[in-house]
Amino acid sequence: MKQFLVNVTLSSALMFSAVSNAAIIDFAGGTAHLANGGACAASDTSSCGNVDYYEEDGFIFDFIGSNEFIGNYYGASNAVVHAHWNRGLSAMEIKKAGGGLFDLNYFILTSNTIVGGGWASGVEETYVEAWNGGVLLERMLLTPDSWGFVGINNVGSPLQNDPQIFLSANFDAVDTVKFTSASTVHGQPGHVHDAYCFGMDMFYIDQAAPIAEGVPAPATLALFGLGFMGLFSRVFRKG
């Protein structure tokens, strides 16, 4: 009995430790650090411009080559990260504050279009890349997506639904995730297929991706807690 309780306690501690590191970055509630040295509180109802980098739940989203936008950029009461490759942006990088490894499992692409404020053409070339120790593990071409926050299951919208991006195991245990454009990948400045408007939301880090259609899975901790209590009850009845 004692050994069983020790094993269960250790297992539960490890599980809660893993959960405690999980984060869903939604670009509301974090701090946008501005190029002029100031700071801006990101939210679903306000926008921060001229952002050098953004920090939320122990993770940093860094704009390389230009200063961009965090927050309610679309006027849709939904905070996103939004950037423009034609402003000199060469990459956007995600890292853990202080360094270290993390898993990126999922995010929503809210804009990926050549046409500023308009429809995607279908030939946009932007990528998400998995890196560890300076080694590129995978480069994935992202789906074109018309401008503006539409949502992932908004059937009545005249715009396409915002694509859900599910990432492979190559994005597990990375130290950097990069977003790049055709010009930075192929070395063609001003490449015609670079996206003009590029936006994202809902990054699932160190946490399993939601099920399809964007409905998050049931509360894992609550289910685990009920099962845990039932297991203890059964053991003590037998004892």
Protein backbone atom coordinates (compact mmCIF):
# COMPACT_ATOMS: atom_id res chain seq x y z
CA MET A 1 0.00 0.00 0.00
CA LYS A 2 2.73 2.46 0.98
CA GLN A 3 4.70 1.85 -2.23
CA PHE A 4 1.52 2.23 -4.27
CA LEU A 5 0.77 5.60 -2.65
CA VAL A 6 4.33 6.75 -3.26
CA ASN A 7 4.12 5.81 -6.94
CA VAL A 8 0.77 7.52 -7.38
CA THR A 9 2.01 10.64 -5.60
CA LEU A 10 5.11 10.85 -7.78
CA SER A 11 3.10 10.27 -10.95
CA SER A 12 0.57 12.94 -10.04
CA ALA A 13 3.32 15.40 -9.13
CA LEU A 14 4.96 14.89 -12.51
CA MET A 15 1.64 15.32 -14.26
CA PHE A 16 0.80 18.54 -12.43
CA SER A 17 4.34 19.80 -13.08
CA ALA A 18 3.87 19.27 -16.82
CA VAL A 19 0.47 20.95 -16.75
CA SER A 20 1.84 23.91 -14.81
CA ASN A 21 4.21 24.66 -17.71
CA ALA A 22 1.41 24.59 -20.30
CA ALA A 23 0.22 27.84 -21.84
CA ILE A 24 -2.33 29.09 -24.34
CA ILE A 25 -1.02 32.38 -25.68
CA ASP A 26 -4.00 34.51 -26.76
CA PHE A 27 -2.26 37.95 -26.87
CA ALA A 28 -4.43 39.37 -24.10
CA GLY A 29 -3.03 39.97 -20.64
CA GLY A 30 0.64 40.01 -21.59
CA THR A 31 3.05 42.93 -22.02
CA ALA A 32 4.00 44.46 -25.36
CA HIS A 33 7.47 46.03 -25.10
CA LEU A 34 7.64 48.99 -27.46
CA ALA A 35 10.53 50.15 -29.62
CA ASN A 36 10.73 53.43 -27.68
CA GLY A 37 11.32 51.58 -24.41
CA GLY A 38 7.75 51.88 -23.15
CA ALA A 39 5.25 49.13 -22.49
CA CYS A 40 1.66 48.47 -23.50
CA ALA A 41 -0.90 46.15 -21.92
CA ALA A 42 -2.37 43.95 -24.64
CA SER A 43 -6.08 43.13 -24.50
CA ASP A 44 -9.06 41.99 -26.57
CA THR A 45 -10.31 45.57 -26.78
CA SER A 46 -7.14 47.60 -27.39
CA SER A 47 -4.18 47.46 -29.75
CA CYS A 48 -0.46 48.00 -29.17
CA GLY A 49 1.57 49.32 -32.11
CA ASN A 50 5.32 49.80 -32.65
CA VAL A 51 5.96 46.58 -30.67
CA ASP A 52 9.54 45.32 -30.43
CA TYR A 53 8.60 42.09 -28.62
CA TYR A 54 5.72 40.66 -26.64
CA GLU A 55 5.81 38.55 -23.45
CA GLU A 56 3.03 36.37 -22.06
CA ASP A 57 3.04 33.38 -19.66
CA GLY A 58 6.81 32.98 -19.78
CA PHE A 59 7.17 33.13 -23.59
CA ILE A 60 8.56 35.85 -25.85
CA PHE A 61 7.31 36.70 -29.37
CA ASP A 62 10.05 38.76 -31.00
CA PHE A 63 9.71 40.75 -34.23
CA ILE A 64 12.98 40.73 -36.19
CA GLY A 65 13.62 43.67 -38.53
CA SER A 66 10.54 45.77 -37.79
CA ASN A 67 8.08 46.72 -35.07
CA GLU A 68 4.55 45.36 -35.37
CA PHE A 69 1.17 44.98 -33.65
CA ILE A 70 -0.33 43.07 -30.70
CA GLY A 71 -3.94 43.18 -29.53
CA ASN A 72 -7.34 43.96 -31.02
CA TYR A 73 -6.02 44.84 -34.46
CA TYR A 74 -9.17 43.90 -36.35
CA GLY A 75 -11.78 45.62 -34.18
CA ALA A 76 -13.34 42.21 -33.54
CA SER A 77 -12.81 42.12 -29.75
CA ASN A 78 -10.18 39.45 -30.25
CA ALA A 79 -6.47 39.98 -29.64
CA VAL A 80 -3.96 38.66 -32.19
CA VAL A 81 -0.34 39.13 -33.24
CA HIS A 82 -0.21 40.93 -36.59
CA ALA A 83 2.76 41.79 -38.81
CA HIS A 84 3.63 43.05 -42.30
CA TRP A 85 6.49 41.59 -44.32
CA ASN A 86 6.71 44.70 -46.53
CA ARG A 87 7.72 46.82 -43.51
CA GLY A 88 11.11 45.12 -43.29
CA LEU A 89 10.10 42.17 -41.11
CA SER A 90 12.57 39.33 -41.68
CA ALA A 91 11.24 36.86 -39.10
CA MET A 92 9.16 36.46 -35.99
CA GLU A 93 10.60 34.19 -33.29
CA ILE A 94 9.04 32.44 -30.31
CA LYS A 95 11.30 31.50 -27.40
CA LYS A 96 10.89 30.64 -23.76
CA ALA A 97 11.86 33.57 -21.54
CA GLY A 98 15.24 32.68 -20.07
CA GLY A 99 15.76 29.93 -22.64
CA GLY A 100 14.81 26.28 -22.66
CA LEU A 101 12.82 23.76 -24.67
CA PHE A 102 9.10 23.77 -25.37
CA ASP A 103 6.48 22.11 -27.58
CA LEU A 104 4.35 24.10 -30.01
CA ASN A 105 1.35 22.01 -31.00
CA TYR A 106 -1.21 24.33 -32.56
CA PHE A 107 -2.15 27.88 -33.50
CA ILE A 108 -4.73 29.72 -35.59
CA LEU A 109 -3.72 31.66 -38.69
CA THR A 110 -5.83 34.83 -38.83
CA SER A 111 -4.31 36.53 -41.90
CA ASN A 112 -1.87 35.46 -44.58
CA THR A 113 -2.48 37.55 -47.69
CA ILE A 114 -0.50 39.48 -50.27
CA VAL A 115 -3.34 41.99 -50.57
CA GLY A 116 -3.35 44.43 -47.66
CA GLY A 117 -6.74 44.33 -45.99
CA GLY A 118 -8.10 41.97 -48.66
CA TRP A 119 -8.55 38.47 -49.96
CA ALA A 120 -5.73 35.96 -50.11
CA SER A 121 -4.50 35.28 -53.65
CA GLY A 122 -3.63 31.64 -52.94
CA VAL A 123 0.08 31.95 -53.76
CA GLU A 124 1.29 33.49 -50.47
CA GLU A 125 4.59 32.03 -49.25
CA THR A 126 5.07 32.18 -45.50
CA TYR A 127 6.46 29.42 -43.32
CA VAL A 128 6.62 28.16 -39.75
CA GLU A 129 9.95 26.59 -38.78
CA ALA A 130 11.07 24.34 -35.92
CA TRP A 131 14.61 24.94 -34.59
CA ASN A 132 16.75 23.37 -31.89
CA GLY A 133 20.38 24.19 -31.21
CA GLY A 134 20.66 26.14 -34.46
CA VAL A 135 19.42 23.17 -36.50
CA LEU A 136 16.32 23.49 -38.70
CA LEU A 137 14.07 20.49 -38.01
CA GLU A 138 11.13 21.36 -40.26
CA ARG A 139 9.86 24.18 -42.47
CA MET A 140 6.10 24.10 -43.12
CA LEU A 141 4.35 26.20 -45.78
CA LEU A 142 1.35 27.99 -44.29
CA THR A 143 -2.12 28.19 -45.82
CA PRO A 144 -3.14 31.48 -47.51
CA ASP A 145 -5.81 33.29 -45.49
CA SER A 146 -7.81 36.44 -46.20
CA TRP A 147 -7.40 39.52 -44.02
CA GLY A 148 -9.24 39.93 -40.74
CA PHE A 149 -10.31 37.77 -37.86
CA VAL A 150 -13.12 35.51 -39.02
CA GLY A 151 -12.94 32.61 -36.59
CA ILE A 152 -12.40 28.95 -37.28
CA ASN A 153 -16.01 27.83 -37.60
CA ASN A 154 -17.85 30.90 -38.88
CA VAL A 155 -19.90 29.33 -41.67
CA GLY A 156 -21.87 32.45 -42.53
CA SER A 157 -18.84 34.67 -43.11
CA PRO A 158 -18.08 35.92 -46.64
CA LEU A 159 -14.41 35.32 -45.87
CA GLN A 160 -12.82 31.91 -45.51
CA ASN A 161 -12.57 30.39 -42.06
CA ASP A 162 -9.25 31.00 -40.32
CA PRO A 163 -7.09 27.88 -40.73
CA GLN A 164 -6.15 25.80 -37.70
CA ILE A 165 -2.48 24.82 -37.89
CA PHE A 166 -1.66 21.46 -36.29
CA LEU A 167 2.08 20.89 -36.01
CA SER A 168 4.11 17.69 -36.26
CA ALA A 169 6.35 16.07 -33.66
CA ASN A 170 9.26 18.08 -35.09
CA PHE A 171 7.88 21.02 -33.11
CA ASP A 172 8.26 19.10 -29.84
CA ALA A 173 11.32 20.01 -27.73
CA VAL A 174 12.36 23.04 -29.78
CA ASP A 175 14.18 26.10 -28.46
CA THR A 176 12.93 28.45 -31.20
CA VAL A 177 9.97 28.62 -33.55
CA LYS A 178 10.39 31.02 -36.48
CA PHE A 179 7.96 32.50 -38.96
CA THR A 180 9.57 33.51 -42.25
CA SER A 181 8.56 34.68 -45.72
CA ALA A 182 9.62 33.65 -49.20
CA SER A 183 12.20 36.44 -49.33
CA THR A 184 13.96 35.29 -46.17
CA VAL A 185 13.83 31.61 -47.16
CA HIS A 186 14.78 31.95 -50.83
CA GLY A 187 16.87 35.10 -50.56
CA GLN A 188 14.66 37.12 -52.89
CA PRO A 189 14.00 40.56 -51.37
CA GLY A 190 10.58 41.91 -52.29
CA HIS A 191 9.44 38.50 -53.46
CA VAL A 192 5.99 38.82 -55.04
CA HIS A 193 4.60 35.96 -52.94
CA ASP A 194 5.42 37.45 -49.53
CA ALA A 195 2.31 38.02 -47.43
CA TYR A 196 1.48 41.66 -46.80
CA CYS A 197 -0.79 40.99 -43.80
CA PHE A 198 0.20 38.15 -41.48
CA GLY A 199 -1.71 37.43 -38.25
CA MET A 200 -1.99 34.59 -35.72
CA ASP A 201 -3.74 33.66 -32.48
CA MET A 202 -4.18 30.94 -29.84
CA PHE A 203 -0.78 29.27 -29.52
CA TYR A 204 -0.95 25.96 -27.62
CA ILE A 205 2.47 25.56 -25.99
CA ASP A 206 3.42 22.53 -23.86
CA GLN A 207 -0.22 21.57 -24.13
CA ALA A 208 -2.07 19.22 -26.45
CA ALA A 209 -3.84 20.81 -29.40
CA PRO A 210 -7.62 21.17 -29.21
CA ILE A 211 -9.80 18.80 -31.16
CA ALA A 212 -10.80 19.67 -34.73
CA GLU A 213 -13.19 22.59 -35.31
CA GLY A 214 -11.43 24.50 -32.54
CA VAL A 215 -13.44 23.16 -29.59
CA PRO A 216 -11.01 22.64 -26.69
CA ALA A 217 -10.98 19.24 -25.08
CA PRO A 218 -12.77 18.77 -21.72
CA ALA A 219 -11.03 20.06 -18.61
CA THR A 220 -8.26 17.53 -18.24
CA LEU A 221 -7.42 18.43 -14.67
CA ALA A 222 -11.01 18.08 -13.52
CA LEU A 223 -11.32 14.64 -15.09
CA PHE A 224 -7.98 13.60 -13.66
CA GLY A 225 -9.02 14.79 -10.22
CA LEU A 226 -12.24 12.77 -10.27
CA GLY A 227 -10.39 9.66 -11.42
CA PHE A 228 -7.71 10.19 -8.80
CA MET A 229 -10.33 10.43 -6.01
CA GLY A 230 -12.08 7.31 -7.27
CA LEU A 231 -8.81 5.39 -7.33
CA PHE A 232 -8.01 6.32 -3.74
CA SER A 233 -11.51 5.40 -2.63
CA ARG A 234 -11.21 1.99 -4.19
CA VAL A 235 -7.78 1.34 -2.68
CA PHE A 236 -8.86 2.33 0.83
CA ARG A 237 -12.00 0.17 0.63
CA LYS A 238 -9.84 -2.84 -0.23
CA GLY A 239 -7.37 -1.97 2.54
